[in-house]
Amino acid sequence: MAYVDGFVAAVPNDKKADYLKHAEESAAVFKEFGALKAVECWGDDVPDGELTSFPMAVKCEAGETVVFSWVVWPSKAARDEAWQKVMEDPRMQPDHNPMPFDGKRLIYGGFEMIMDR
C-alpha cells in the first residue's frame, strides 16, 4: 500500500501565485525522486472550530487561507530513501524555492495508507 506525506499550512492570500509556483517546483522534485503524485488544495470551505479546526491548528490569521496538500509515494521505504535527496536538492533550498508562508505554522506528517477506494 502507498505512503502519504500530508501538509497543512496558512498562506497569505496575496501569495497564492507564489505558493503555487513553490508547490509546482517542489512537486517536480518529489516526482523526480519517486513520488507518484503531489496534490495541492486551496481552502474554500474551512470553518473555524470551537475546540479544534484546520484554521486553529495552523494559527490562520486574517488575510490567510488554509492549504491542504499531500504527496503519494509507492511505499514508506521509497519515501524514506527519497526524502534526504529531496531535502538536499538545490531546487528545494530556501534561496531557490522559498516557502511563501510561515513554516513554523506548517503541520506535516507521514501516513500509512489503510484504504484507497
N, C-alpha and C. Protein backbone atom coordinates (compact mmCIF):
# COMPACT_ATOMS: atom_id res chain seq x y z
N MET A 1 0.85 -1.17 0.00
CA MET A 1 0.00 0.00 0.00
C MET A 1 0.90 1.24 0.00
N ALA A 2 0.45 2.28 -0.64
CA ALA A 2 1.22 3.53 -0.77
C ALA A 2 1.40 4.22 0.58
N TYR A 3 2.26 5.21 0.58
CA TYR A 3 2.55 6.01 1.77
C TYR A 3 2.32 7.47 1.42
N VAL A 4 1.81 8.25 2.37
CA VAL A 4 1.44 9.64 2.10
C VAL A 4 2.11 10.58 3.09
N ASP A 5 2.71 11.64 2.57
CA ASP A 5 3.14 12.77 3.40
C ASP A 5 2.06 13.82 3.29
N GLY A 6 1.53 14.28 4.43
CA GLY A 6 0.47 15.27 4.43
C GLY A 6 0.94 16.58 5.05
N PHE A 7 0.38 17.69 4.55
CA PHE A 7 0.79 19.03 4.98
C PHE A 7 -0.43 19.94 5.12
N VAL A 8 -0.42 20.78 6.13
CA VAL A 8 -1.44 21.82 6.29
C VAL A 8 -0.68 23.10 6.66
N ALA A 9 -1.02 24.21 6.01
CA ALA A 9 -0.35 25.48 6.27
C ALA A 9 -1.33 26.63 6.07
N ALA A 10 -0.97 27.79 6.58
CA ALA A 10 -1.72 29.02 6.35
C ALA A 10 -0.88 29.88 5.41
N VAL A 11 -1.47 30.24 4.27
CA VAL A 11 -0.75 31.00 3.26
C VAL A 11 -1.41 32.36 3.07
N PRO A 12 -0.63 33.44 3.07
CA PRO A 12 -1.22 34.76 2.80
C PRO A 12 -1.93 34.76 1.45
N ASN A 13 -3.13 35.32 1.45
CA ASN A 13 -3.93 35.35 0.21
C ASN A 13 -3.19 36.00 -0.95
N ASP A 14 -2.42 37.03 -0.66
CA ASP A 14 -1.73 37.73 -1.73
C ASP A 14 -0.49 36.98 -2.22
N LYS A 15 -0.22 35.80 -1.64
CA LYS A 15 0.91 34.98 -2.06
C LYS A 15 0.46 33.68 -2.71
N LYS A 16 -0.80 33.62 -3.12
CA LYS A 16 -1.32 32.39 -3.73
C LYS A 16 -0.51 31.99 -4.96
N ALA A 17 -0.21 32.91 -5.84
CA ALA A 17 0.57 32.60 -7.04
C ALA A 17 1.98 32.14 -6.66
N ASP A 18 2.59 32.80 -5.68
CA ASP A 18 3.91 32.39 -5.20
C ASP A 18 3.86 30.98 -4.62
N TYR A 19 2.79 30.71 -3.86
CA TYR A 19 2.64 29.38 -3.27
C TYR A 19 2.51 28.32 -4.36
N LEU A 20 1.71 28.58 -5.37
CA LEU A 20 1.54 27.61 -6.44
C LEU A 20 2.86 27.36 -7.17
N LYS A 21 3.63 28.41 -7.40
CA LYS A 21 4.95 28.25 -8.04
C LYS A 21 5.85 27.38 -7.16
N HIS A 22 5.87 27.68 -5.85
CA HIS A 22 6.65 26.89 -4.89
C HIS A 22 6.22 25.42 -4.93
N ALA A 23 4.92 25.19 -4.93
CA ALA A 23 4.38 23.83 -4.93
C ALA A 23 4.71 23.10 -6.22
N GLU A 24 4.61 23.78 -7.35
CA GLU A 24 4.92 23.14 -8.63
C GLU A 24 6.38 22.73 -8.71
N GLU A 25 7.27 23.62 -8.25
CA GLU A 25 8.70 23.29 -8.25
C GLU A 25 8.98 22.13 -7.30
N SER A 26 8.35 22.15 -6.14
CA SER A 26 8.55 21.06 -5.17
C SER A 26 8.02 19.74 -5.72
N ALA A 27 6.85 19.78 -6.34
CA ALA A 27 6.25 18.56 -6.89
C ALA A 27 7.16 17.93 -7.94
N ALA A 28 7.79 18.74 -8.75
CA ALA A 28 8.70 18.21 -9.77
C ALA A 28 9.85 17.45 -9.13
N VAL A 29 10.37 17.99 -8.03
CA VAL A 29 11.47 17.32 -7.33
C VAL A 29 10.97 16.04 -6.69
N PHE A 30 9.82 16.10 -5.99
CA PHE A 30 9.26 14.90 -5.37
C PHE A 30 9.09 13.79 -6.41
N LYS A 31 8.52 14.14 -7.55
CA LYS A 31 8.25 13.13 -8.58
C LYS A 31 9.54 12.61 -9.19
N GLU A 32 10.53 13.47 -9.34
CA GLU A 32 11.82 13.02 -9.86
C GLU A 32 12.43 11.96 -8.97
N PHE A 33 12.19 12.08 -7.65
CA PHE A 33 12.77 11.12 -6.70
C PHE A 33 11.79 10.01 -6.31
N GLY A 34 10.72 9.83 -7.10
CA GLY A 34 9.89 8.66 -6.91
C GLY A 34 8.46 8.84 -6.46
N ALA A 35 8.04 10.06 -6.14
CA ALA A 35 6.65 10.27 -5.74
C ALA A 35 5.72 9.95 -6.90
N LEU A 36 4.57 9.40 -6.58
CA LEU A 36 3.59 9.07 -7.60
C LEU A 36 2.71 10.26 -7.95
N LYS A 37 2.50 11.13 -6.97
CA LYS A 37 1.55 12.23 -7.15
C LYS A 37 1.78 13.28 -6.07
N ALA A 38 1.53 14.53 -6.42
CA ALA A 38 1.55 15.63 -5.46
C ALA A 38 0.27 16.44 -5.67
N VAL A 39 -0.46 16.69 -4.59
CA VAL A 39 -1.75 17.37 -4.67
C VAL A 39 -1.73 18.60 -3.77
N GLU A 40 -2.22 19.71 -4.29
CA GLU A 40 -2.33 20.97 -3.54
C GLU A 40 -3.79 21.43 -3.55
N CYS A 41 -4.29 21.82 -2.40
CA CYS A 41 -5.68 22.28 -2.28
C CYS A 41 -5.71 23.61 -1.53
N TRP A 42 -6.37 24.60 -2.13
CA TRP A 42 -6.53 25.93 -1.55
C TRP A 42 -7.87 25.95 -0.82
N GLY A 43 -7.88 26.29 0.45
CA GLY A 43 -9.09 26.25 1.26
C GLY A 43 -10.22 27.08 0.66
N ASP A 44 -11.40 26.49 0.65
CA ASP A 44 -12.58 27.14 0.11
C ASP A 44 -13.71 27.16 1.14
N ASP A 45 -13.84 26.10 1.92
CA ASP A 45 -14.88 25.97 2.93
C ASP A 45 -14.24 25.34 4.16
N VAL A 46 -13.45 26.14 4.87
CA VAL A 46 -12.66 25.65 6.00
C VAL A 46 -13.07 26.44 7.24
N PRO A 47 -14.10 25.97 7.95
CA PRO A 47 -14.65 26.74 9.06
C PRO A 47 -13.75 26.75 10.29
N ASP A 48 -13.89 27.82 11.06
CA ASP A 48 -13.26 27.88 12.38
C ASP A 48 -13.98 26.90 13.29
N GLY A 49 -13.28 26.35 14.23
CA GLY A 49 -13.89 25.43 15.18
C GLY A 49 -13.93 26.03 16.57
N GLU A 50 -14.56 25.32 17.48
CA GLU A 50 -14.59 25.76 18.87
C GLU A 50 -13.46 25.14 19.67
N LEU A 51 -13.19 23.85 19.42
CA LEU A 51 -12.11 23.17 20.12
C LEU A 51 -10.88 23.00 19.24
N THR A 52 -11.13 22.66 17.97
CA THR A 52 -10.04 22.46 17.03
C THR A 52 -10.56 22.62 15.61
N SER A 53 -9.68 22.93 14.71
CA SER A 53 -10.02 23.09 13.30
C SER A 53 -8.73 23.28 12.52
N PHE A 54 -8.84 23.20 11.20
CA PHE A 54 -7.67 23.49 10.39
C PHE A 54 -7.15 24.91 10.65
N PRO A 55 -8.02 25.94 10.63
CA PRO A 55 -7.51 27.29 10.88
C PRO A 55 -6.83 27.44 12.25
N MET A 56 -7.41 26.82 13.26
CA MET A 56 -6.82 26.90 14.60
C MET A 56 -5.48 26.17 14.65
N ALA A 57 -5.40 25.04 13.98
CA ALA A 57 -4.20 24.22 14.02
C ALA A 57 -2.98 24.95 13.44
N VAL A 58 -3.20 25.76 12.42
CA VAL A 58 -2.09 26.48 11.80
C VAL A 58 -2.07 27.96 12.18
N LYS A 59 -2.91 28.31 13.17
CA LYS A 59 -3.00 29.70 13.64
C LYS A 59 -3.22 30.66 12.48
N CYS A 60 -4.20 30.31 11.65
CA CYS A 60 -4.53 31.10 10.48
C CYS A 60 -4.93 32.51 10.89
N GLU A 61 -4.34 33.50 10.25
CA GLU A 61 -4.60 34.90 10.56
C GLU A 61 -5.48 35.53 9.48
N ALA A 62 -6.02 36.69 9.77
CA ALA A 62 -6.81 37.42 8.77
C ALA A 62 -5.94 37.62 7.53
N GLY A 63 -6.53 37.41 6.37
CA GLY A 63 -5.79 37.57 5.12
C GLY A 63 -5.02 36.33 4.71
N GLU A 64 -5.25 35.21 5.40
CA GLU A 64 -4.59 33.96 5.05
C GLU A 64 -5.65 32.90 4.73
N THR A 65 -5.23 31.89 3.98
CA THR A 65 -6.09 30.76 3.65
C THR A 65 -5.36 29.47 4.01
N VAL A 66 -6.10 28.51 4.50
CA VAL A 66 -5.53 27.20 4.83
C VAL A 66 -5.34 26.41 3.54
N VAL A 67 -4.15 25.82 3.38
CA VAL A 67 -3.90 24.91 2.28
C VAL A 67 -3.69 23.51 2.85
N PHE A 68 -4.10 22.54 2.07
CA PHE A 68 -4.02 21.14 2.45
C PHE A 68 -3.37 20.43 1.28
N SER A 69 -2.28 19.72 1.53
CA SER A 69 -1.58 19.07 0.43
C SER A 69 -1.03 17.72 0.86
N TRP A 70 -0.76 16.91 -0.14
CA TRP A 70 -0.18 15.62 0.16
C TRP A 70 0.64 15.13 -1.03
N VAL A 71 1.60 14.28 -0.69
CA VAL A 71 2.46 13.64 -1.68
C VAL A 71 2.31 12.14 -1.49
N VAL A 72 2.03 11.42 -2.57
CA VAL A 72 1.86 9.98 -2.51
C VAL A 72 3.13 9.30 -3.01
N TRP A 73 3.61 8.36 -2.21
CA TRP A 73 4.80 7.59 -2.53
C TRP A 73 4.41 6.12 -2.71
N PRO A 74 5.19 5.34 -3.45
CA PRO A 74 4.87 3.93 -3.62
C PRO A 74 4.88 3.15 -2.30
N SER A 75 5.74 3.59 -1.36
CA SER A 75 5.87 2.91 -0.07
C SER A 75 6.62 3.83 0.89
N LYS A 76 6.60 3.48 2.17
CA LYS A 76 7.36 4.26 3.15
C LYS A 76 8.85 4.14 2.85
N ALA A 77 9.29 2.96 2.45
CA ALA A 77 10.70 2.77 2.13
C ALA A 77 11.13 3.68 0.98
N ALA A 78 10.28 3.79 -0.05
CA ALA A 78 10.59 4.68 -1.18
C ALA A 78 10.64 6.12 -0.72
N ARG A 79 9.71 6.51 0.14
CA ARG A 79 9.70 7.88 0.67
C ARG A 79 10.94 8.15 1.50
N ASP A 80 11.27 7.21 2.39
CA ASP A 80 12.44 7.40 3.25
C ASP A 80 13.72 7.52 2.43
N GLU A 81 13.83 6.72 1.39
CA GLU A 81 15.01 6.77 0.52
C GLU A 81 15.08 8.10 -0.22
N ALA A 82 13.94 8.61 -0.65
CA ALA A 82 13.91 9.85 -1.44
C ALA A 82 14.03 11.10 -0.59
N TRP A 83 13.52 11.08 0.63
CA TRP A 83 13.36 12.31 1.42
C TRP A 83 14.67 13.07 1.60
N GLN A 84 15.75 12.38 1.95
CA GLN A 84 17.02 13.08 2.14
C GLN A 84 17.49 13.70 0.83
N LYS A 85 17.33 12.99 -0.27
CA LYS A 85 17.71 13.53 -1.58
C LYS A 85 16.88 14.76 -1.92
N VAL A 86 15.60 14.70 -1.61
CA VAL A 86 14.71 15.84 -1.87
C VAL A 86 15.18 17.06 -1.07
N MET A 87 15.45 16.86 0.20
CA MET A 87 15.82 17.98 1.06
C MET A 87 17.20 18.56 0.71
N GLU A 88 18.07 17.75 0.14
CA GLU A 88 19.41 18.21 -0.25
C GLU A 88 19.43 18.81 -1.66
N ASP A 89 18.39 18.59 -2.43
CA ASP A 89 18.36 19.07 -3.81
C ASP A 89 18.41 20.59 -3.83
N PRO A 90 19.28 21.18 -4.66
CA PRO A 90 19.39 22.65 -4.73
C PRO A 90 18.06 23.35 -5.04
N ARG A 91 17.18 22.67 -5.78
CA ARG A 91 15.89 23.28 -6.12
C ARG A 91 14.96 23.41 -4.93
N MET A 92 15.28 22.74 -3.83
CA MET A 92 14.44 22.80 -2.63
C MET A 92 15.01 23.75 -1.57
N GLN A 93 16.13 24.36 -1.86
CA GLN A 93 16.76 25.25 -0.88
C GLN A 93 16.03 26.59 -0.82
N PRO A 94 15.96 27.19 0.37
CA PRO A 94 15.22 28.45 0.54
C PRO A 94 15.64 29.58 -0.39
N ASP A 95 16.90 29.62 -0.77
CA ASP A 95 17.34 30.70 -1.66
C ASP A 95 16.82 30.50 -3.09
N HIS A 96 16.49 29.27 -3.45
CA HIS A 96 15.96 28.98 -4.79
C HIS A 96 14.43 28.87 -4.79
N ASN A 97 13.87 28.21 -3.77
CA ASN A 97 12.44 27.94 -3.72
C ASN A 97 11.90 28.26 -2.32
N PRO A 98 11.86 29.55 -1.97
CA PRO A 98 11.44 29.92 -0.61
C PRO A 98 9.97 29.60 -0.35
N MET A 99 9.68 29.21 0.89
CA MET A 99 8.30 28.98 1.28
C MET A 99 7.61 30.33 1.45
N PRO A 100 6.52 30.60 0.72
CA PRO A 100 5.83 31.88 0.82
C PRO A 100 4.79 31.90 1.95
N PHE A 101 5.16 31.30 3.06
CA PHE A 101 4.29 31.24 4.24
C PHE A 101 5.17 30.99 5.45
N ASP A 102 4.60 31.08 6.63
CA ASP A 102 5.33 30.88 7.88
C ASP A 102 5.49 29.38 8.13
N GLY A 103 6.68 28.87 7.87
CA GLY A 103 6.96 27.45 8.03
C GLY A 103 6.83 26.96 9.46
N LYS A 104 6.90 27.86 10.43
CA LYS A 104 6.75 27.47 11.83
C LYS A 104 5.33 27.00 12.13
N ARG A 105 4.38 27.41 11.28
CA ARG A 105 2.98 27.01 11.49
C ARG A 105 2.57 25.88 10.55
N LEU A 106 3.51 25.29 9.85
CA LEU A 106 3.25 24.17 8.96
C LEU A 106 3.08 22.90 9.80
N ILE A 107 2.03 22.15 9.48
CA ILE A 107 1.82 20.84 10.11
C ILE A 107 2.09 19.80 9.05
N TYR A 108 2.86 18.78 9.40
CA TYR A 108 3.14 17.73 8.42
C TYR A 108 3.32 16.40 9.13
N GLY A 109 3.18 15.34 8.37
CA GLY A 109 3.40 14.01 8.91
C GLY A 109 3.31 12.98 7.82
N GLY A 110 3.82 11.80 8.13
CA GLY A 110 3.77 10.68 7.21
C GLY A 110 2.69 9.71 7.65
N PHE A 111 1.97 9.17 6.66
CA PHE A 111 0.81 8.33 6.95
C PHE A 111 0.83 7.05 6.12
N GLU A 112 0.61 5.94 6.80
CA GLU A 112 0.44 4.66 6.12
C GLU A 112 -0.98 4.61 5.58
N MET A 113 -1.12 4.36 4.30
CA MET A 113 -2.46 4.24 3.71
C MET A 113 -3.09 2.95 4.19
N ILE A 114 -4.31 3.03 4.68
CA ILE A 114 -5.00 1.81 5.09
C ILE A 114 -6.25 1.55 4.24
N MET A 115 -6.63 2.53 3.41
CA MET A 115 -7.73 2.33 2.46
C MET A 115 -7.56 3.29 1.30
N ASP A 116 -7.84 2.81 0.09
CA ASP A 116 -7.78 3.65 -1.10
C ASP A 116 -8.81 3.10 -2.08
N ARG A 117 -9.97 3.71 -2.13
CA ARG A 117 -11.07 3.20 -2.97
C ARG A 117 -11.37 4.14 -4.10
